[in-house]
């Protein structure tokens, strides 16, 4: 199956920097030109997607809320 179109507008292309594997969920750090994005996904998904450091991935971010903090 190939994805031909997607409605997620926040897309960040990058490479997996590190995976911290847990018994149920894992943290996947993706290095993008904008910085590091961390995804928390099931460990089963890490295995099924055959994710590993160095893999090129697309981080898709869809949220119902975006918060801002003044700096």
PDB file of N, CA and C in Angstrom:
ATOM      1  N   UNK A   1       0.845  -1.178   0.000  1.00  0.00           N
ATOM      2  CA  UNK A   1       0.000   0.000   0.000  1.00  0.00           C
ATOM      3  C   UNK A   1       0.887   1.235   0.000  1.00  0.00           C
ATOM      4  N   UNK A   2       0.535   2.196  -0.803  1.00  0.00           N
ATOM      5  CA  UNK A   2       1.249   3.459  -0.864  1.00  0.00           C
ATOM      6  C   UNK A   2       0.308   4.588  -0.495  1.00  0.00           C
ATOM      7  N   UNK A   3       0.829   5.600   0.145  1.00  0.00           N
ATOM      8  CA  UNK A   3       0.035   6.782   0.483  1.00  0.00           C
ATOM      9  C   UNK A   3       0.098   7.732  -0.712  1.00  0.00           C
ATOM     10  N   UNK A   4      -1.062   8.084  -1.251  1.00  0.00           N
ATOM     11  CA  UNK A   4      -1.115   8.986  -2.397  1.00  0.00           C
ATOM     12  C   UNK A   4      -1.413  10.420  -1.979  1.00  0.00           C
ATOM     13  N   UNK A   5      -2.104  10.584  -0.857  1.00  0.00           N
ATOM     14  CA  UNK A   5      -2.416  11.914  -0.340  1.00  0.00           C
ATOM     15  C   UNK A   5      -2.718  11.778   1.147  1.00  0.00           C
ATOM     16  N   UNK A   6      -2.497  12.859   1.888  1.00  0.00           N
ATOM     17  CA  UNK A   6      -2.748  12.838   3.331  1.00  0.00           C
ATOM     18  C   UNK A   6      -3.184  14.234   3.768  1.00  0.00           C
ATOM     19  N   UNK A   7      -4.045  14.292   4.782  1.00  0.00           N
ATOM     20  CA  UNK A   7      -4.556  15.593   5.211  1.00  0.00           C
ATOM     21  C   UNK A   7      -3.742  16.223   6.340  1.00  0.00           C
ATOM     22  N   UNK A   8      -2.685  15.584   6.769  1.00  0.00           N
ATOM     23  CA  UNK A   8      -1.840  16.139   7.829  1.00  0.00           C
ATOM     24  C   UNK A   8      -0.905  17.177   7.201  1.00  0.00           C
ATOM     25  N   UNK A   9      -0.998  18.405   7.672  1.00  0.00           N
ATOM     26  CA  UNK A   9      -0.214  19.490   7.069  1.00  0.00           C
ATOM     27  C   UNK A   9       1.149  19.686   7.728  1.00  0.00           C
ATOM     28  N   UNK A  10       1.291  19.290   8.977  1.00  0.00           N
ATOM     29  CA  UNK A  10       2.552  19.474   9.686  1.00  0.00           C
ATOM     30  C   UNK A  10       3.410  18.228   9.472  1.00  0.00           C
ATOM     31  N   UNK A  11       4.315  18.319   8.507  1.00  0.00           N
ATOM     32  CA  UNK A  11       5.150  17.189   8.139  1.00  0.00           C
ATOM     33  C   UNK A  11       6.612  17.597   8.245  1.00  0.00           C
ATOM     34  N   UNK A  12       7.396  16.761   8.923  1.00  0.00           N
ATOM     35  CA  UNK A  12       8.813  17.047   9.138  1.00  0.00           C
ATOM     36  C   UNK A  12       9.639  15.851   8.683  1.00  0.00           C
ATOM     37  N   UNK A  13      10.416  16.046   7.636  1.00  0.00           N
ATOM     38  CA  UNK A  13      11.278  14.984   7.140  1.00  0.00           C
ATOM     39  C   UNK A  13      12.555  14.974   7.970  1.00  0.00           C
ATOM     40  N   UNK A  14      12.997  13.787   8.352  1.00  0.00           N
ATOM     41  CA  UNK A  14      14.209  13.698   9.152  1.00  0.00           C
ATOM     42  C   UNK A  14      14.735  12.281   9.232  1.00  0.00           C
ATOM     43  N   UNK A  15      15.727  12.098  10.089  1.00  0.00           N
ATOM     44  CA  UNK A  15      16.332  10.780  10.313  1.00  0.00           C
ATOM     45  C   UNK A  15      16.212  10.419  11.782  1.00  0.00           C
ATOM     46  N   UNK A  16      15.983   9.143  12.020  1.00  0.00           N
ATOM     47  CA  UNK A  16      15.897   8.673  13.401  1.00  0.00           C
ATOM     48  C   UNK A  16      17.273   8.785  14.042  1.00  0.00           C
ATOM     49  N   UNK A  17      17.318   9.495  15.161  1.00  0.00           N
ATOM     50  CA  UNK A  17      18.570   9.680  15.890  1.00  0.00           C
ATOM     51  C   UNK A  17      18.729   8.609  16.964  1.00  0.00           C
ATOM     52  N   UNK A  18      17.626   8.323  17.679  1.00  0.00           N
ATOM     53  CA  UNK A  18      17.702   7.369  18.789  1.00  0.00           C
ATOM     54  C   UNK A  18      16.331   6.765  19.034  1.00  0.00           C
ATOM     55  N   UNK A  19      16.334   5.515  19.478  1.00  0.00           N
ATOM     56  CA  UNK A  19      15.095   4.852  19.900  1.00  0.00           C
ATOM     57  C   UNK A  19      15.316   4.316  21.302  1.00  0.00           C
ATOM     58  N   UNK A  20      14.459   4.741  22.230  1.00  0.00           N
ATOM     59  CA  UNK A  20      14.484   4.226  23.599  1.00  0.00           C
ATOM     60  C   UNK A  20      13.322   3.250  23.704  1.00  0.00           C
ATOM     61  N   UNK A  21      13.652   1.969  23.726  1.00  0.00           N
ATOM     62  CA  UNK A  21      12.638   0.921  23.671  1.00  0.00           C
ATOM     63  C   UNK A  21      12.146   0.565  25.062  1.00  0.00           C
ATOM     64  N   UNK A  22      10.835   0.507  25.210  1.00  0.00           N
ATOM     65  CA  UNK A  22      10.204   0.075  26.446  1.00  0.00           C
ATOM     66  C   UNK A  22       9.392  -1.179  26.186  1.00  0.00           C
ATOM     67  N   UNK A  23       8.833  -1.779  27.246  1.00  0.00           N
ATOM     68  CA  UNK A  23       8.076  -3.009  27.064  1.00  0.00           C
ATOM     69  C   UNK A  23       6.777  -2.803  26.259  1.00  0.00           C
ATOM     70  N   UNK A  24       6.175  -1.623  26.363  1.00  0.00           N
ATOM     71  CA  UNK A  24       4.911  -1.364  25.668  1.00  0.00           C
ATOM     72  C   UNK A  24       5.038  -0.208  24.675  1.00  0.00           C
ATOM     73  N   UNK A  25       5.645   0.890  25.098  1.00  0.00           N
ATOM     74  CA  UNK A  25       5.843   2.044  24.219  1.00  0.00           C
ATOM     75  C   UNK A  25       7.326   2.375  24.114  1.00  0.00           C
ATOM     76  N   UNK A  26       7.677   3.031  23.030  1.00  0.00           N
ATOM     77  CA  UNK A  26       9.056   3.443  22.793  1.00  0.00           C
ATOM     78  C   UNK A  26       9.084   4.908  22.402  1.00  0.00           C
ATOM     79  N   UNK A  27      10.203   5.569  22.695  1.00  0.00           N
ATOM     80  CA  UNK A  27      10.418   6.952  22.288  1.00  0.00           C
ATOM     81  C   UNK A  27      11.337   6.951  21.072  1.00  0.00           C
ATOM     82  N   UNK A  28      10.907   7.624  20.022  1.00  0.00           N
ATOM     83  CA  UNK A  28      11.697   7.701  18.796  1.00  0.00           C
ATOM     84  C   UNK A  28      12.066   9.160  18.573  1.00  0.00           C
ATOM     85  N   UNK A  29      13.359   9.466  18.637  1.00  0.00           N
ATOM     86  CA  UNK A  29      13.839  10.826  18.390  1.00  0.00           C
ATOM     87  C   UNK A  29      14.181  10.964  16.921  1.00  0.00           C
ATOM     88  N   UNK A  30      13.553  11.963  16.278  1.00  0.00           N
ATOM     89  CA  UNK A  30      13.773  12.223  14.861  1.00  0.00           C
ATOM     90  C   UNK A  30      14.460  13.575  14.730  1.00  0.00           C
ATOM     91  N   UNK A  31      15.624  13.577  14.084  1.00  0.00           N
ATOM     92  CA  UNK A  31      16.355  14.821  13.867  1.00  0.00           C
ATOM     93  C   UNK A  31      15.889  15.438  12.556  1.00  0.00           C
ATOM     94  N   UNK A  32      15.345  16.655  12.653  1.00  0.00           N
ATOM     95  CA  UNK A  32      14.842  17.378  11.482  1.00  0.00           C
ATOM     96  C   UNK A  32      15.617  18.688  11.355  1.00  0.00           C
ATOM     97  N   UNK A  33      15.506  19.373  10.235  1.00  0.00           N
ATOM     98  CA  UNK A  33      16.145  20.686  10.112  1.00  0.00           C
ATOM     99  C   UNK A  33      15.649  21.685  11.161  1.00  0.00           C
ATOM    100  N   UNK A  34      14.436  21.457  11.687  1.00  0.00           N
ATOM    101  CA  UNK A  34      13.866  22.346  12.702  1.00  0.00           C
ATOM    102  C   UNK A  34      14.246  21.946  14.117  1.00  0.00           C
ATOM    103  N   UNK A  35      14.893  20.825  14.301  1.00  0.00           N
ATOM    104  CA  UNK A  35      15.258  20.331  15.627  1.00  0.00           C
ATOM    105  C   UNK A  35      14.779  18.898  15.814  1.00  0.00           C
ATOM    106  N   UNK A  36      14.862  18.432  17.056  1.00  0.00           N
ATOM    107  CA  UNK A  36      14.482  17.063  17.390  1.00  0.00           C
ATOM    108  C   UNK A  36      12.978  16.991  17.669  1.00  0.00           C
ATOM    109  N   UNK A  37      12.318  16.008  17.074  1.00  0.00           N
ATOM    110  CA  UNK A  37      10.924  15.702  17.370  1.00  0.00           C
ATOM    111  C   UNK A  37      10.908  14.314  17.985  1.00  0.00           C
ATOM    112  N   UNK A  38      10.235  14.164  19.122  1.00  0.00           N
ATOM    113  CA  UNK A  38      10.138  12.869  19.781  1.00  0.00           C
ATOM    114  C   UNK A  38       8.731  12.329  19.623  1.00  0.00           C
ATOM    115  N   UNK A  39       8.645  11.130  19.081  1.00  0.00           N
ATOM    116  CA  UNK A  39       7.362  10.442  18.940  1.00  0.00           C
ATOM    117  C   UNK A  39       7.319   9.313  19.957  1.00  0.00           C
ATOM    118  N   UNK A  40       6.193   9.170  20.638  1.00  0.00           N
ATOM    119  CA  UNK A  40       5.977   8.032  21.539  1.00  0.00           C
ATOM    120  C   UNK A  40       4.995   7.114  20.830  1.00  0.00           C
ATOM    121  N   UNK A  41       5.495   5.951  20.424  1.00  0.00           N
ATOM    122  CA  UNK A  41       4.672   4.994  19.690  1.00  0.00           C
ATOM    123  C   UNK A  41       4.826   3.618  20.334  1.00  0.00           C
ATOM    124  N   UNK A  42       3.949   2.705  19.972  1.00  0.00           N
ATOM    125  CA  UNK A  42       4.051   1.371  20.559  1.00  0.00           C
ATOM    126  C   UNK A  42       5.336   0.699  20.095  1.00  0.00           C
ATOM    127  N   UNK A  43       5.883  -0.118  20.962  1.00  0.00           N
ATOM    128  CA  UNK A  43       7.077  -0.884  20.626  1.00  0.00           C
ATOM    129  C   UNK A  43       6.768  -1.843  19.479  1.00  0.00           C
ATOM    130  N   UNK A  44       5.540  -2.324  19.446  1.00  0.00           N
ATOM    131  CA  UNK A  44       5.119  -3.184  18.333  1.00  0.00           C
ATOM    132  C   UNK A  44       5.224  -2.437  17.004  1.00  0.00           C
ATOM    133  N   UNK A  45       4.819  -1.164  16.979  1.00  0.00           N
ATOM    134  CA  UNK A  45       4.919  -0.376  15.754  1.00  0.00           C
ATOM    135  C   UNK A  45       6.372  -0.162  15.346  1.00  0.00           C
ATOM    136  N   UNK A  46       7.255   0.046  16.314  1.00  0.00           N
ATOM    137  CA  UNK A  46       8.686   0.185  16.008  1.00  0.00           C
ATOM    138  C   UNK A  46       9.169  -1.064  15.275  1.00  0.00           C
ATOM    139  N   UNK A  47       8.759  -2.213  15.778  1.00  0.00           N
ATOM    140  CA  UNK A  47       9.155  -3.481  15.174  1.00  0.00           C
ATOM    141  C   UNK A  47       8.525  -3.670  13.793  1.00  0.00           C
ATOM    142  N   UNK A  48       7.214  -3.450  13.687  1.00  0.00           N
ATOM    143  CA  UNK A  48       6.521  -3.665  12.418  1.00  0.00           C
ATOM    144  C   UNK A  48       6.985  -2.714  11.319  1.00  0.00           C
ATOM    145  N   UNK A  49       7.340  -1.477  11.691  1.00  0.00           N
ATOM    146  CA  UNK A  49       7.842  -0.506  10.723  1.00  0.00           C
ATOM    147  C   UNK A  49       9.342  -0.670  10.470  1.00  0.00           C
ATOM    148  N   UNK A  50       9.962  -1.576  11.240  1.00  0.00           N
ATOM    149  CA  UNK A  50      11.408  -1.839  11.149  1.00  0.00           C
ATOM    150  C   UNK A  50      12.211  -0.544  11.284  1.00  0.00           C
ATOM    151  N   UNK A  51      11.841   0.246  12.309  1.00  0.00           N
ATOM    152  CA  UNK A  51      12.521   1.511  12.554  1.00  0.00           C
ATOM    153  C   UNK A  51      13.866   1.265  13.222  1.00  0.00           C
ATOM    154  N   UNK A  52      14.853   2.053  12.821  1.00  0.00           N
ATOM    155  CA  UNK A  52      16.192   1.950  13.389  1.00  0.00           C
ATOM    156  C   UNK A  52      16.887   3.295  13.228  1.00  0.00           C
ATOM    157  N   UNK A  53      17.856   3.586  14.105  1.00  0.00           N
ATOM    158  CA  UNK A  53      18.616   4.825  13.941  1.00  0.00           C
ATOM    159  C   UNK A  53      19.204   4.914  12.532  1.00  0.00           C
ATOM    160  N   UNK A  54      19.096   6.110  11.955  1.00  0.00           N
ATOM    161  CA  UNK A  54      19.592   6.345  10.609  1.00  0.00           C
ATOM    162  C   UNK A  54      18.517   6.259   9.547  1.00  0.00           C
ATOM    163  N   UNK A  55      17.377   5.616   9.860  1.00  0.00           N
ATOM    164  CA  UNK A  55      16.277   5.533   8.889  1.00  0.00           C
ATOM    165  C   UNK A  55      15.718   6.919   8.616  1.00  0.00           C
ATOM    166  N   UNK A  56      15.437   7.187   7.344  1.00  0.00           N
ATOM    167  CA  UNK A  56      14.760   8.422   6.983  1.00  0.00           C
ATOM    168  C   UNK A  56      13.263   8.214   7.195  1.00  0.00           C
ATOM    169  N   UNK A  57      12.621   9.160   7.867  1.00  0.00           N
ATOM    170  CA  UNK A  57      11.197   9.057   8.172  1.00  0.00           C
ATOM    171  C   UNK A  57      10.524  10.406   7.954  1.00  0.00           C
ATOM    172  N   UNK A  58       9.218  10.364   7.965  1.00  0.00           N
ATOM    173  CA  UNK A  58       8.408  11.572   7.906  1.00  0.00           C
ATOM    174  C   UNK A  58       7.603  11.626   9.188  1.00  0.00           C
ATOM    175  N   UNK A  59       7.842  12.641  10.013  1.00  0.00           N
ATOM    176  CA  UNK A  59       7.081  12.826  11.249  1.00  0.00           C
ATOM    177  C   UNK A  59       5.839  13.644  10.897  1.00  0.00           C
ATOM    178  N   UNK A  60       4.685  13.069  11.144  1.00  0.00           N
ATOM    179  CA  UNK A  60       3.408  13.720  10.849  1.00  0.00           C
ATOM    180  C   UNK A  60       2.782  14.157  12.157  1.00  0.00           C
ATOM    181  N   UNK A  61       2.469  15.440  12.269  1.00  0.00           N
ATOM    182  CA  UNK A  61       1.928  15.984  13.512  1.00  0.00           C
ATOM    183  C   UNK A  61       0.540  16.530  13.245  1.00  0.00           C
ATOM    184  N   UNK A  62      -0.446  15.974  13.933  1.00  0.00           N
ATOM    185  CA  UNK A  62      -1.820  16.467  13.825  1.00  0.00           C
ATOM    186  C   UNK A  62      -2.316  16.676  15.248  1.00  0.00           C
ATOM    187  N   UNK A  63      -2.771  17.868  15.530  1.00  0.00           N
ATOM    188  CA  UNK A  63      -3.187  18.199  16.876  1.00  0.00           C
ATOM    189  C   UNK A  63      -4.435  19.059  16.839  1.00  0.00           C
ATOM    190  N   UNK A  64      -5.252  18.906  17.859  1.00  0.00           N
ATOM    191  CA  UNK A  64      -6.435  19.750  17.954  1.00  0.00           C
ATOM    192  C   UNK A  64      -6.130  21.047  18.683  1.00  0.00           C
ATOM    193  N   UNK A  65      -4.933  21.141  19.252  1.00  0.00           N
ATOM    194  CA  UNK A  65      -4.573  22.346  20.004  1.00  0.00           C
ATOM    195  C   UNK A  65      -3.094  22.631  19.848  1.00  0.00           C
ATOM    196  N   UNK A  66      -2.768  23.904  19.658  1.00  0.00           N
ATOM    197  CA  UNK A  66      -1.389  24.352  19.641  1.00  0.00           C
ATOM    198  C   UNK A  66      -1.286  25.461  20.683  1.00  0.00           C
ATOM    199  N   UNK A  67      -0.398  25.287  21.639  1.00  0.00           N
ATOM    200  CA  UNK A  67      -0.214  26.279  22.695  1.00  0.00           C
ATOM    201  C   UNK A  67       1.030  27.092  22.404  1.00  0.00           C
ATOM    202  N   UNK A  68       1.006  28.348  22.823  1.00  0.00           N
ATOM    203  CA  UNK A  68       2.151  29.243  22.664  1.00  0.00           C
ATOM    204  C   UNK A  68       2.574  29.773  24.029  1.00  0.00           C
ATOM    205  N   UNK A  69       3.871  29.958  24.186  1.00  0.00           N
ATOM    206  CA  UNK A  69       4.423  30.583  25.387  1.00  0.00           C
ATOM    207  C   UNK A  69       5.281  31.753  24.940  1.00  0.00           C
ATOM    208  N   UNK A  70       5.128  32.862  25.576  1.00  0.00           N
ATOM    209  CA  UNK A  70       5.948  34.029  25.241  1.00  0.00           C
ATOM    210  C   UNK A  70       7.316  33.839  25.829  1.00  0.00           C
ATOM    211  N   UNK A  71       8.341  34.101  25.028  1.00  0.00           N
ATOM    212  CA  UNK A  71       9.734  33.958  25.526  1.00  0.00           C
ATOM    213  C   UNK A  71      10.477  35.257  25.410  1.00  0.00           C
TER     214      UNK A  71
END
